[in-house]
């Protein structure tokens, strides 16, 4: 090992049919880049998960806005407000790191 090369404190290894082998420095650098890319995409994954949940909630409440819905006009208005709040979630100040309290409350 040359003086330029450093030994990492927690070296990674790969296991093959021939045994366990430590990563080369190039493999370490590549894995570091993969892990950083994964970490950098955390907000995108969280936003996608929240959008999926929001879309499910919207789909589950579609019936409330139909002309033949059994709801009163007042109840329809409450549901319409709830649905608008769901649609505007991506503009919430905490997006995508929403707390439970940031989600709108479904009308009863």
PDB file of N, CA and C in Angstrom:
ATOM      1  N   UNK A   1       0.855  -1.175   0.000  1.00  0.00           N
ATOM      2  CA  UNK A   1       0.000   0.000   0.000  1.00  0.00           C
ATOM      3  C   UNK A   1       0.894   1.227   0.000  1.00  0.00           C
ATOM      4  N   UNK A   2       0.609   2.157  -0.875  1.00  0.00           N
ATOM      5  CA  UNK A   2       1.424   3.358  -0.956  1.00  0.00           C
ATOM      6  C   UNK A   2       1.021   4.330   0.145  1.00  0.00           C
ATOM      7  N   UNK A   3       1.860   5.366   0.354  1.00  0.00           N
ATOM      8  CA  UNK A   3       1.570   6.359   1.381  1.00  0.00           C
ATOM      9  C   UNK A   3       0.314   7.159   1.054  1.00  0.00           C
ATOM     10  N   UNK A   4      -0.007   7.279  -0.240  1.00  0.00           N
ATOM     11  CA  UNK A   4      -1.168   8.061  -0.662  1.00  0.00           C
ATOM     12  C   UNK A   4      -2.476   7.381  -0.292  1.00  0.00           C
ATOM     13  N   UNK A   5      -2.465   6.063  -0.251  1.00  0.00           N
ATOM     14  CA  UNK A   5      -3.684   5.325   0.032  1.00  0.00           C
ATOM     15  C   UNK A   5      -3.973   5.362   1.527  1.00  0.00           C
ATOM     16  N   UNK A   6      -5.222   5.499   1.846  1.00  0.00           N
ATOM     17  CA  UNK A   6      -5.617   5.483   3.248  1.00  0.00           C
ATOM     18  C   UNK A   6      -6.440   4.244   3.508  1.00  0.00           C
ATOM     19  N   UNK A   7      -6.377   3.786   4.717  1.00  0.00           N
ATOM     20  CA  UNK A   7      -7.179   2.635   5.099  1.00  0.00           C
ATOM     21  C   UNK A   7      -8.401   3.173   5.828  1.00  0.00           C
ATOM     22  N   UNK A   8      -9.552   2.831   5.339  1.00  0.00           N
ATOM     23  CA  UNK A   8     -10.786   3.286   5.964  1.00  0.00           C
ATOM     24  C   UNK A   8     -10.992   2.549   7.277  1.00  0.00           C
ATOM     25  N   UNK A   9     -11.605   3.249   8.207  1.00  0.00           N
ATOM     26  CA  UNK A   9     -11.838   2.654   9.519  1.00  0.00           C
ATOM     27  C   UNK A   9     -12.813   1.488   9.444  1.00  0.00           C
ATOM     28  N   UNK A  10     -13.901   1.674   8.730  1.00  0.00           N
ATOM     29  CA  UNK A  10     -14.921   0.625   8.596  1.00  0.00           C
ATOM     30  C   UNK A  10     -14.992   0.178   7.145  1.00  0.00           C
ATOM     31  N   UNK A  11     -14.012  -0.582   6.739  1.00  0.00           N
ATOM     32  CA  UNK A  11     -13.963  -1.023   5.349  1.00  0.00           C
ATOM     33  C   UNK A  11     -15.109  -1.983   5.050  1.00  0.00           C
ATOM     34  N   UNK A  12     -15.617  -1.858   3.851  1.00  0.00           N
ATOM     35  CA  UNK A  12     -16.672  -2.760   3.390  1.00  0.00           C
ATOM     36  C   UNK A  12     -16.045  -3.949   2.685  1.00  0.00           C
ATOM     37  N   UNK A  13     -16.811  -4.983   2.573  1.00  0.00           N
ATOM     38  CA  UNK A  13     -16.312  -6.160   1.880  1.00  0.00           C
ATOM     39  C   UNK A  13     -17.425  -6.798   1.070  1.00  0.00           C
ATOM     40  N   UNK A  14     -17.010  -7.617   0.166  1.00  0.00           N
ATOM     41  CA  UNK A  14     -17.948  -8.398  -0.641  1.00  0.00           C
ATOM     42  C   UNK A  14     -17.635  -9.863  -0.392  1.00  0.00           C
ATOM     43  N   UNK A  15     -18.665 -10.663  -0.428  1.00  0.00           N
ATOM     44  CA  UNK A  15     -18.490 -12.087  -0.235  1.00  0.00           C
ATOM     45  C   UNK A  15     -18.728 -12.788  -1.563  1.00  0.00           C
ATOM     46  N   UNK A  16     -17.794 -13.609  -1.932  1.00  0.00           N
ATOM     47  CA  UNK A  16     -17.914 -14.383  -3.168  1.00  0.00           C
ATOM     48  C   UNK A  16     -17.792 -15.863  -2.814  1.00  0.00           C
ATOM     49  N   UNK A  17     -17.885 -16.683  -3.799  1.00  0.00           N
ATOM     50  CA  UNK A  17     -17.731 -18.122  -3.556  1.00  0.00           C
ATOM     51  C   UNK A  17     -16.326 -18.461  -3.081  1.00  0.00           C
ATOM     52  N   UNK A  18     -15.381 -17.525  -3.253  1.00  0.00           N
ATOM     53  CA  UNK A  18     -13.989 -17.755  -2.855  1.00  0.00           C
ATOM     54  C   UNK A  18     -13.658 -17.129  -1.506  1.00  0.00           C
ATOM     55  N   UNK A  19     -14.633 -16.480  -0.901  1.00  0.00           N
ATOM     56  CA  UNK A  19     -14.406 -15.889   0.409  1.00  0.00           C
ATOM     57  C   UNK A  19     -14.777 -14.424   0.467  1.00  0.00           C
ATOM     58  N   UNK A  20     -14.340 -13.781   1.539  1.00  0.00           N
ATOM     59  CA  UNK A  20     -14.634 -12.370   1.784  1.00  0.00           C
ATOM     60  C   UNK A  20     -13.448 -11.528   1.330  1.00  0.00           C
ATOM     61  N   UNK A  21     -13.745 -10.490   0.545  1.00  0.00           N
ATOM     62  CA  UNK A  21     -12.713  -9.607   0.035  1.00  0.00           C
ATOM     63  C   UNK A  21     -13.098  -8.167   0.319  1.00  0.00           C
ATOM     64  N   UNK A  22     -12.140  -7.409   0.812  1.00  0.00           N
ATOM     65  CA  UNK A  22     -12.402  -5.994   1.059  1.00  0.00           C
ATOM     66  C   UNK A  22     -12.541  -5.246  -0.255  1.00  0.00           C
ATOM     67  N   UNK A  23     -13.358  -4.203  -0.235  1.00  0.00           N
ATOM     68  CA  UNK A  23     -13.513  -3.341  -1.401  1.00  0.00           C
ATOM     69  C   UNK A  23     -12.179  -2.670  -1.706  1.00  0.00           C
ATOM     70  N   UNK A  24     -11.947  -2.456  -2.982  1.00  0.00           N
ATOM     71  CA  UNK A  24     -10.825  -1.612  -3.381  1.00  0.00           C
ATOM     72  C   UNK A  24     -11.243  -0.168  -3.107  1.00  0.00           C
ATOM     73  N   UNK A  25     -10.313   0.735  -3.156  1.00  0.00           N
ATOM     74  CA  UNK A  25     -10.656   2.147  -2.925  1.00  0.00           C
ATOM     75  C   UNK A  25     -11.647   2.636  -3.986  1.00  0.00           C
ATOM     76  N   UNK A  26     -11.480   2.184  -5.219  1.00  0.00           N
ATOM     77  CA  UNK A  26     -12.422   2.578  -6.286  1.00  0.00           C
ATOM     78  C   UNK A  26     -13.826   2.064  -5.978  1.00  0.00           C
ATOM     79  N   UNK A  27     -13.917   0.841  -5.461  1.00  0.00           N
ATOM     80  CA  UNK A  27     -15.231   0.293  -5.094  1.00  0.00           C
ATOM     81  C   UNK A  27     -15.824   1.057  -3.917  1.00  0.00           C
ATOM     82  N   UNK A  28     -14.974   1.452  -2.959  1.00  0.00           N
ATOM     83  CA  UNK A  28     -15.433   2.253  -1.825  1.00  0.00           C
ATOM     84  C   UNK A  28     -15.997   3.595  -2.302  1.00  0.00           C
ATOM     85  N   UNK A  29     -15.279   4.240  -3.196  1.00  0.00           N
ATOM     86  CA  UNK A  29     -15.709   5.537  -3.722  1.00  0.00           C
ATOM     87  C   UNK A  29     -17.038   5.384  -4.473  1.00  0.00           C
ATOM     88  N   UNK A  30     -17.148   4.345  -5.277  1.00  0.00           N
ATOM     89  CA  UNK A  30     -18.387   4.109  -6.030  1.00  0.00           C
ATOM     90  C   UNK A  30     -19.548   3.849  -5.083  1.00  0.00           C
ATOM     91  N   UNK A  31     -19.315   3.059  -4.043  1.00  0.00           N
ATOM     92  CA  UNK A  31     -20.389   2.761  -3.074  1.00  0.00           C
ATOM     93  C   UNK A  31     -20.771   4.017  -2.300  1.00  0.00           C
ATOM     94  N   UNK A  32     -19.776   4.847  -1.943  1.00  0.00           N
ATOM     95  CA  UNK A  32     -20.070   6.122  -1.285  1.00  0.00           C
ATOM     96  C   UNK A  32     -20.993   6.974  -2.160  1.00  0.00           C
ATOM     97  N   UNK A  33     -20.703   7.007  -3.458  1.00  0.00           N
ATOM     98  CA  UNK A  33     -21.521   7.792  -4.387  1.00  0.00           C
ATOM     99  C   UNK A  33     -22.939   7.233  -4.468  1.00  0.00           C
ATOM    100  N   UNK A  34     -23.075   5.904  -4.487  1.00  0.00           N
ATOM    101  CA  UNK A  34     -24.407   5.286  -4.512  1.00  0.00           C
ATOM    102  C   UNK A  34     -25.191   5.640  -3.249  1.00  0.00           C
ATOM    103  N   UNK A  35     -24.529   5.566  -2.104  1.00  0.00           N
ATOM    104  CA  UNK A  35     -25.207   5.872  -0.842  1.00  0.00           C
ATOM    105  C   UNK A  35     -25.596   7.337  -0.772  1.00  0.00           C
ATOM    106  N   UNK A  36     -24.745   8.215  -1.281  1.00  0.00           N
ATOM    107  CA  UNK A  36     -25.067   9.644  -1.290  1.00  0.00           C
ATOM    108  C   UNK A  36     -26.241   9.926  -2.213  1.00  0.00           C
ATOM    109  N   UNK A  37     -26.261   9.274  -3.366  1.00  0.00           N
ATOM    110  CA  UNK A  37     -27.380   9.456  -4.300  1.00  0.00           C
ATOM    111  C   UNK A  37     -28.688   8.982  -3.665  1.00  0.00           C
ATOM    112  N   UNK A  38     -28.639   7.869  -2.945  1.00  0.00           N
ATOM    113  CA  UNK A  38     -29.831   7.358  -2.251  1.00  0.00           C
ATOM    114  C   UNK A  38     -30.290   8.367  -1.196  1.00  0.00           C
ATOM    115  N   UNK A  39     -29.345   8.881  -0.412  1.00  0.00           N
ATOM    116  CA  UNK A  39     -29.689   9.849   0.629  1.00  0.00           C
ATOM    117  C   UNK A  39     -30.249  11.136   0.011  1.00  0.00           C
ATOM    118  N   UNK A  40     -29.669  11.561  -1.091  1.00  0.00           N
ATOM    119  CA  UNK A  40     -30.133  12.787  -1.748  1.00  0.00           C
ATOM    120  C   UNK A  40     -31.552  12.644  -2.284  1.00  0.00           C
ATOM    121  N   UNK A  41     -31.973  11.423  -2.586  1.00  0.00           N
ATOM    122  CA  UNK A  41     -33.306  11.194  -3.118  1.00  0.00           C
ATOM    123  C   UNK A  41     -34.365  10.930  -2.061  1.00  0.00           C
ATOM    124  N   UNK A  42     -34.000  11.030  -0.789  1.00  0.00           N
ATOM    125  CA  UNK A  42     -34.938  10.710   0.298  1.00  0.00           C
ATOM    126  C   UNK A  42     -36.188  11.587   0.244  1.00  0.00           C
ATOM    127  N   UNK A  43     -36.025  12.872   0.028  1.00  0.00           N
ATOM    128  CA  UNK A  43     -37.195  13.767  -0.033  1.00  0.00           C
ATOM    129  C   UNK A  43     -38.090  13.435  -1.218  1.00  0.00           C
ATOM    130  N   UNK A  44     -37.496  13.070  -2.340  1.00  0.00           N
ATOM    131  CA  UNK A  44     -38.292  12.703  -3.512  1.00  0.00           C
ATOM    132  C   UNK A  44     -39.108  11.443  -3.245  1.00  0.00           C
ATOM    133  N   UNK A  45     -38.487  10.466  -2.574  1.00  0.00           N
ATOM    134  CA  UNK A  45     -39.217   9.235  -2.249  1.00  0.00           C
ATOM    135  C   UNK A  45     -40.337   9.514  -1.247  1.00  0.00           C
ATOM    136  N   UNK A  46     -40.063  10.361  -0.256  1.00  0.00           N
ATOM    137  CA  UNK A  46     -41.079  10.702   0.734  1.00  0.00           C
ATOM    138  C   UNK A  46     -42.226  11.462   0.074  1.00  0.00           C
ATOM    139  N   UNK A  47     -41.909  12.394  -0.810  1.00  0.00           N
ATOM    140  CA  UNK A  47     -42.948  13.148  -1.520  1.00  0.00           C
ATOM    141  C   UNK A  47     -43.800  12.212  -2.368  1.00  0.00           C
ATOM    142  N   UNK A  48     -43.177  11.262  -3.039  1.00  0.00           N
ATOM    143  CA  UNK A  48     -43.926  10.302  -3.868  1.00  0.00           C
ATOM    144  C   UNK A  48     -44.859   9.453  -3.001  1.00  0.00           C
ATOM    145  N   UNK A  49     -44.379   9.044  -1.845  1.00  0.00           N
ATOM    146  CA  UNK A  49     -45.223   8.250  -0.939  1.00  0.00           C
ATOM    147  C   UNK A  49     -46.405   9.072  -0.443  1.00  0.00           C
ATOM    148  N   UNK A  50     -46.157  10.325  -0.094  1.00  0.00           N
ATOM    149  CA  UNK A  50     -47.255  11.194   0.366  1.00  0.00           C
ATOM    150  C   UNK A  50     -48.256  11.466  -0.757  1.00  0.00           C
ATOM    151  N   UNK A  51     -47.761  11.650  -1.975  1.00  0.00           N
ATOM    152  CA  UNK A  51     -48.680  11.861  -3.103  1.00  0.00           C
ATOM    153  C   UNK A  51     -49.552  10.632  -3.325  1.00  0.00           C
ATOM    154  N   UNK A  52     -48.965   9.454  -3.191  1.00  0.00           N
ATOM    155  CA  UNK A  52     -49.736   8.218  -3.359  1.00  0.00           C
ATOM    156  C   UNK A  52     -50.826   8.113  -2.297  1.00  0.00           C
ATOM    157  N   UNK A  53     -50.479   8.420  -1.054  1.00  0.00           N
ATOM    158  CA  UNK A  53     -51.475   8.397   0.032  1.00  0.00           C
ATOM    159  C   UNK A  53     -52.561   9.426  -0.240  1.00  0.00           C
ATOM    160  N   UNK A  54     -52.154  10.629  -0.620  1.00  0.00           N
ATOM    161  CA  UNK A  54     -53.124  11.684  -0.917  1.00  0.00           C
ATOM    162  C   UNK A  54     -54.055  11.261  -2.042  1.00  0.00           C
ATOM    163  N   UNK A  55     -53.510  10.666  -3.087  1.00  0.00           N
ATOM    164  CA  UNK A  55     -54.339  10.232  -4.222  1.00  0.00           C
ATOM    165  C   UNK A  55     -55.324   9.151  -3.812  1.00  0.00           C
ATOM    166  N   UNK A  56     -54.902   8.260  -2.923  1.00  0.00           N
ATOM    167  CA  UNK A  56     -55.810   7.225  -2.417  1.00  0.00           C
ATOM    168  C   UNK A  56     -56.951   7.857  -1.615  1.00  0.00           C
ATOM    169  N   UNK A  57     -56.616   8.837  -0.790  1.00  0.00           N
ATOM    170  CA  UNK A  57     -57.647   9.522   0.003  1.00  0.00           C
ATOM    171  C   UNK A  57     -58.622  10.279  -0.905  1.00  0.00           C
ATOM    172  N   UNK A  58     -58.101  10.900  -1.947  1.00  0.00           N
ATOM    173  CA  UNK A  58     -58.983  11.594  -2.898  1.00  0.00           C
ATOM    174  C   UNK A  58     -59.898  10.602  -3.605  1.00  0.00           C
ATOM    175  N   UNK A  59     -59.330   9.498  -4.065  1.00  0.00           N
ATOM    176  CA  UNK A  59     -60.134   8.500  -4.771  1.00  0.00           C
ATOM    177  C   UNK A  59     -61.205   7.912  -3.857  1.00  0.00           C
ATOM    178  N   UNK A  60     -60.852   7.705  -2.584  1.00  0.00           N
ATOM    179  CA  UNK A  60     -61.814   7.136  -1.641  1.00  0.00           C
ATOM    180  C   UNK A  60     -62.940   8.100  -1.302  1.00  0.00           C
ATOM    181  N   UNK A  61     -62.728   9.369  -1.580  1.00  0.00           N
ATOM    182  CA  UNK A  61     -63.769  10.361  -1.266  1.00  0.00           C
ATOM    183  C   UNK A  61     -64.442  10.939  -2.509  1.00  0.00           C
ATOM    184  N   UNK A  62     -64.149  10.403  -3.668  1.00  0.00           N
ATOM    185  CA  UNK A  62     -64.787  10.883  -4.905  1.00  0.00           C
ATOM    186  C   UNK A  62     -66.314  10.853  -4.800  1.00  0.00           C
ATOM    187  N   UNK A  63     -66.826   9.794  -4.221  1.00  0.00           N
ATOM    188  CA  UNK A  63     -68.273   9.593  -4.148  1.00  0.00           C
ATOM    189  C   UNK A  63     -68.997  10.760  -3.462  1.00  0.00           C
ATOM    190  N   UNK A  64     -68.270  11.480  -2.616  1.00  0.00           N
ATOM    191  CA  UNK A  64     -68.914  12.564  -1.850  1.00  0.00           C
ATOM    192  C   UNK A  64     -69.310  13.738  -2.733  1.00  0.00           C
ATOM    193  N   UNK A  65     -68.756  13.808  -3.926  1.00  0.00           N
ATOM    194  CA  UNK A  65     -69.012  14.954  -4.790  1.00  0.00           C
ATOM    195  C   UNK A  65     -69.944  14.640  -5.960  1.00  0.00           C
ATOM    196  N   UNK A  66     -70.395  13.415  -6.049  1.00  0.00           N
ATOM    197  CA  UNK A  66     -71.313  13.042  -7.120  1.00  0.00           C
ATOM    198  C   UNK A  66     -72.679  13.684  -6.903  1.00  0.00           C
ATOM    199  N   UNK A  67     -73.387  13.938  -8.001  1.00  0.00           N
ATOM    200  CA  UNK A  67     -74.726  14.531  -7.916  1.00  0.00           C
ATOM    201  C   UNK A  67     -75.693  13.662  -7.122  1.00  0.00           C
ATOM    202  N   UNK A  68     -75.521  12.349  -7.229  1.00  0.00           N
ATOM    203  CA  UNK A  68     -76.455  11.456  -6.531  1.00  0.00           C
ATOM    204  C   UNK A  68     -75.937  11.021  -5.155  1.00  0.00           C
ATOM    205  N   UNK A  69     -74.952  11.737  -4.634  1.00  0.00           N
ATOM    206  CA  UNK A  69     -74.431  11.427  -3.307  1.00  0.00           C
ATOM    207  C   UNK A  69     -75.529  11.649  -2.265  1.00  0.00           C
ATOM    208  N   UNK A  70     -75.612  10.785  -1.250  1.00  0.00           N
ATOM    209  CA  UNK A  70     -76.648  10.932  -0.227  1.00  0.00           C
ATOM    210  C   UNK A  70     -76.345  12.044   0.787  1.00  0.00           C
ATOM    211  N   UNK A  71     -75.250  12.747   0.608  1.00  0.00           N
ATOM    212  CA  UNK A  71     -74.850  13.772   1.575  1.00  0.00           C
ATOM    213  C   UNK A  71     -75.663  15.057   1.427  1.00  0.00           C
ATOM    214  N   UNK A  72     -75.781  15.772   2.531  1.00  0.00           N
ATOM    215  CA  UNK A  72     -76.423  17.092   2.490  1.00  0.00           C
ATOM    216  C   UNK A  72     -75.470  18.064   1.810  1.00  0.00           C
ATOM    217  N   UNK A  73     -75.974  19.208   1.419  1.00  0.00           N
ATOM    218  CA  UNK A  73     -75.127  20.230   0.789  1.00  0.00           C
ATOM    219  C   UNK A  73     -74.012  20.663   1.742  1.00  0.00           C
ATOM    220  N   UNK A  74     -74.338  20.768   3.015  1.00  0.00           N
ATOM    221  CA  UNK A  74     -73.342  21.169   4.012  1.00  0.00           C
ATOM    222  C   UNK A  74     -72.224  20.119   4.112  1.00  0.00           C
ATOM    223  N   UNK A  75     -72.609  18.856   4.129  1.00  0.00           N
ATOM    224  CA  UNK A  75     -71.617  17.783   4.194  1.00  0.00           C
ATOM    225  C   UNK A  75     -70.780  17.753   2.921  1.00  0.00           C
ATOM    226  N   UNK A  76     -71.411  17.954   1.769  1.00  0.00           N
ATOM    227  CA  UNK A  76     -70.654  17.984   0.505  1.00  0.00           C
ATOM    228  C   UNK A  76     -69.621  19.102   0.534  1.00  0.00           C
ATOM    229  N   UNK A  77     -70.000  20.241   1.090  1.00  0.00           N
ATOM    230  CA  UNK A  77     -69.076  21.370   1.187  1.00  0.00           C
ATOM    231  C   UNK A  77     -67.894  21.025   2.091  1.00  0.00           C
ATOM    232  N   UNK A  78     -68.172  20.353   3.202  1.00  0.00           N
ATOM    233  CA  UNK A  78     -67.089  19.932   4.110  1.00  0.00           C
ATOM    234  C   UNK A  78     -66.129  18.989   3.403  1.00  0.00           C
ATOM    235  N   UNK A  79     -66.694  18.037   2.659  1.00  0.00           N
ATOM    236  CA  UNK A  79     -65.858  17.099   1.914  1.00  0.00           C
ATOM    237  C   UNK A  79     -65.090  17.812   0.805  1.00  0.00           C
ATOM    238  N   UNK A  80     -65.702  18.771   0.157  1.00  0.00           N
ATOM    239  CA  UNK A  80     -65.011  19.520  -0.901  1.00  0.00           C
ATOM    240  C   UNK A  80     -63.831  20.292  -0.315  1.00  0.00           C
ATOM    241  N   UNK A  81     -64.005  20.872   0.869  1.00  0.00           N
ATOM    242  CA  UNK A  81     -62.922  21.595   1.541  1.00  0.00           C
ATOM    243  C   UNK A  81     -61.785  20.640   1.902  1.00  0.00           C
ATOM    244  N   UNK A  82     -62.143  19.480   2.417  1.00  0.00           N
ATOM    245  CA  UNK A  82     -61.159  18.447   2.755  1.00  0.00           C
ATOM    246  C   UNK A  82     -60.362  18.041   1.511  1.00  0.00           C
ATOM    247  N   UNK A  83     -61.067  17.822   0.411  1.00  0.00           N
ATOM    248  CA  UNK A  83     -60.416  17.394  -0.821  1.00  0.00           C
ATOM    249  C   UNK A  83     -59.491  18.492  -1.371  1.00  0.00           C
ATOM    250  N   UNK A  84     -59.894  19.740  -1.222  1.00  0.00           N
ATOM    251  CA  UNK A  84     -59.039  20.853  -1.643  1.00  0.00           C
ATOM    252  C   UNK A  84     -57.771  20.878  -0.791  1.00  0.00           C
ATOM    253  N   UNK A  85     -57.928  20.643   0.499  1.00  0.00           N
ATOM    254  CA  UNK A  85     -56.764  20.603   1.390  1.00  0.00           C
ATOM    255  C   UNK A  85     -55.815  19.473   0.997  1.00  0.00           C
ATOM    256  N   UNK A  86     -56.369  18.337   0.605  1.00  0.00           N
ATOM    257  CA  UNK A  86     -55.516  17.235   0.136  1.00  0.00           C
ATOM    258  C   UNK A  86     -54.755  17.628  -1.125  1.00  0.00           C
ATOM    259  N   UNK A  87     -55.448  18.283  -2.034  1.00  0.00           N
ATOM    260  CA  UNK A  87     -54.802  18.658  -3.302  1.00  0.00           C
ATOM    261  C   UNK A  87     -53.681  19.669  -3.094  1.00  0.00           C
ATOM    262  N   UNK A  88     -53.810  20.514  -2.083  1.00  0.00           N
ATOM    263  CA  UNK A  88     -52.800  21.562  -1.868  1.00  0.00           C
ATOM    264  C   UNK A  88     -51.695  21.134  -0.897  1.00  0.00           C
ATOM    265  N   UNK A  89     -51.707  19.894  -0.450  1.00  0.00           N
ATOM    266  CA  UNK A  89     -50.661  19.426   0.466  1.00  0.00           C
ATOM    267  C   UNK A  89     -49.243  19.681  -0.050  1.00  0.00           C
ATOM    268  N   UNK A  90     -48.958  19.492  -1.328  1.00  0.00           N
ATOM    269  CA  UNK A  90     -47.585  19.732  -1.790  1.00  0.00           C
ATOM    270  C   UNK A  90     -47.108  21.177  -1.623  1.00  0.00           C
ATOM    271  N   UNK A  91     -48.019  22.095  -1.348  1.00  0.00           N
ATOM    272  CA  UNK A  91     -47.612  23.483  -1.111  1.00  0.00           C
ATOM    273  C   UNK A  91     -47.464  23.775   0.381  1.00  0.00           C
ATOM    274  N   UNK A  92     -47.712  22.777   1.219  1.00  0.00           N
ATOM    275  CA  UNK A  92     -47.608  22.953   2.673  1.00  0.00           C
ATOM    276  C   UNK A  92     -46.169  23.288   3.048  1.00  0.00           C
ATOM    277  N   UNK A  93     -45.991  24.122   4.032  1.00  0.00           N
ATOM    278  CA  UNK A  93     -44.648  24.562   4.424  1.00  0.00           C
ATOM    279  C   UNK A  93     -43.742  23.411   4.879  1.00  0.00           C
ATOM    280  N   UNK A  94     -44.312  22.328   5.380  1.00  0.00           N
ATOM    281  CA  UNK A  94     -43.507  21.195   5.838  1.00  0.00           C
ATOM    282  C   UNK A  94     -43.292  20.129   4.770  1.00  0.00           C
ATOM    283  N   UNK A  95     -43.823  20.315   3.575  1.00  0.00           N
ATOM    284  CA  UNK A  95     -43.724  19.312   2.510  1.00  0.00           C
ATOM    285  C   UNK A  95     -42.274  19.042   2.184  1.00  0.00           C
ATOM    286  N   UNK A  96     -41.830  17.824   2.041  1.00  0.00           N
ATOM    287  CA  UNK A  96     -42.567  16.576   2.166  1.00  0.00           C
ATOM    288  C   UNK A  96     -42.492  15.954   3.563  1.00  0.00           C
ATOM    289  N   UNK A  97     -41.898  16.664   4.504  1.00  0.00           N
ATOM    290  CA  UNK A  97     -41.728  16.119   5.859  1.00  0.00           C
ATOM    291  C   UNK A  97     -42.952  16.430   6.722  1.00  0.00           C
ATOM    292  N   UNK A  98     -44.084  15.895   6.298  1.00  0.00           N
ATOM    293  CA  UNK A  98     -45.336  16.191   6.980  1.00  0.00           C
ATOM    294  C   UNK A  98     -45.457  15.435   8.299  1.00  0.00           C
ATOM    295  N   UNK A  99     -46.023  16.109   9.280  1.00  0.00           N
ATOM    296  CA  UNK A  99     -46.393  15.482  10.546  1.00  0.00           C
ATOM    297  C   UNK A  99     -47.835  15.010  10.393  1.00  0.00           C
ATOM    298  N   UNK A 100     -48.281  14.158  11.297  1.00  0.00           N
ATOM    299  CA  UNK A 100     -49.673  13.703  11.245  1.00  0.00           C
ATOM    300  C   UNK A 100     -50.640  14.882  11.302  1.00  0.00           C
ATOM    301  N   UNK A 101     -50.299  15.901  12.087  1.00  0.00           N
ATOM    302  CA  UNK A 101     -51.176  17.067  12.238  1.00  0.00           C
ATOM    303  C   UNK A 101     -51.248  17.926  10.973  1.00  0.00           C
ATOM    304  N   UNK A 102     -50.310  17.738  10.052  1.00  0.00           N
ATOM    305  CA  UNK A 102     -50.310  18.520   8.807  1.00  0.00           C
ATOM    306  C   UNK A 102     -51.334  17.998   7.803  1.00  0.00           C
ATOM    307  N   UNK A 103     -51.772  16.762   7.973  1.00  0.00           N
ATOM    308  CA  UNK A 103     -52.753  16.183   7.063  1.00  0.00           C
ATOM    309  C   UNK A 103     -54.139  16.711   7.433  1.00  0.00           C
ATOM    310  N   UNK A 104     -54.967  17.003   6.439  1.00  0.00           N
ATOM    311  CA  UNK A 104     -56.326  17.468   6.759  1.00  0.00           C
ATOM    312  C   UNK A 104     -57.139  16.367   7.427  1.00  0.00           C
ATOM    313  N   UNK A 105     -58.088  16.787   8.234  1.00  0.00           N
ATOM    314  CA  UNK A 105     -58.959  15.840   8.935  1.00  0.00           C
ATOM    315  C   UNK A 105     -60.162  15.530   8.087  1.00  0.00           C
ATOM    316  N   UNK A 106     -60.424  14.253   7.921  1.00  0.00           N
ATOM    317  CA  UNK A 106     -61.569  13.804   7.129  1.00  0.00           C
ATOM    318  C   UNK A 106     -62.860  14.169   7.846  1.00  0.00           C
ATOM    319  N   UNK A 107     -63.824  14.724   7.117  1.00  0.00           N
ATOM    320  CA  UNK A 107     -65.111  15.046   7.756  1.00  0.00           C
ATOM    321  C   UNK A 107     -65.786  13.775   8.273  1.00  0.00           C
ATOM    322  N   UNK A 108     -66.578  13.949   9.303  1.00  0.00           N
ATOM    323  CA  UNK A 108     -67.260  12.776   9.865  1.00  0.00           C
ATOM    324  C   UNK A 108     -68.671  12.646   9.329  1.00  0.00           C
TER     325      UNK A 108
END
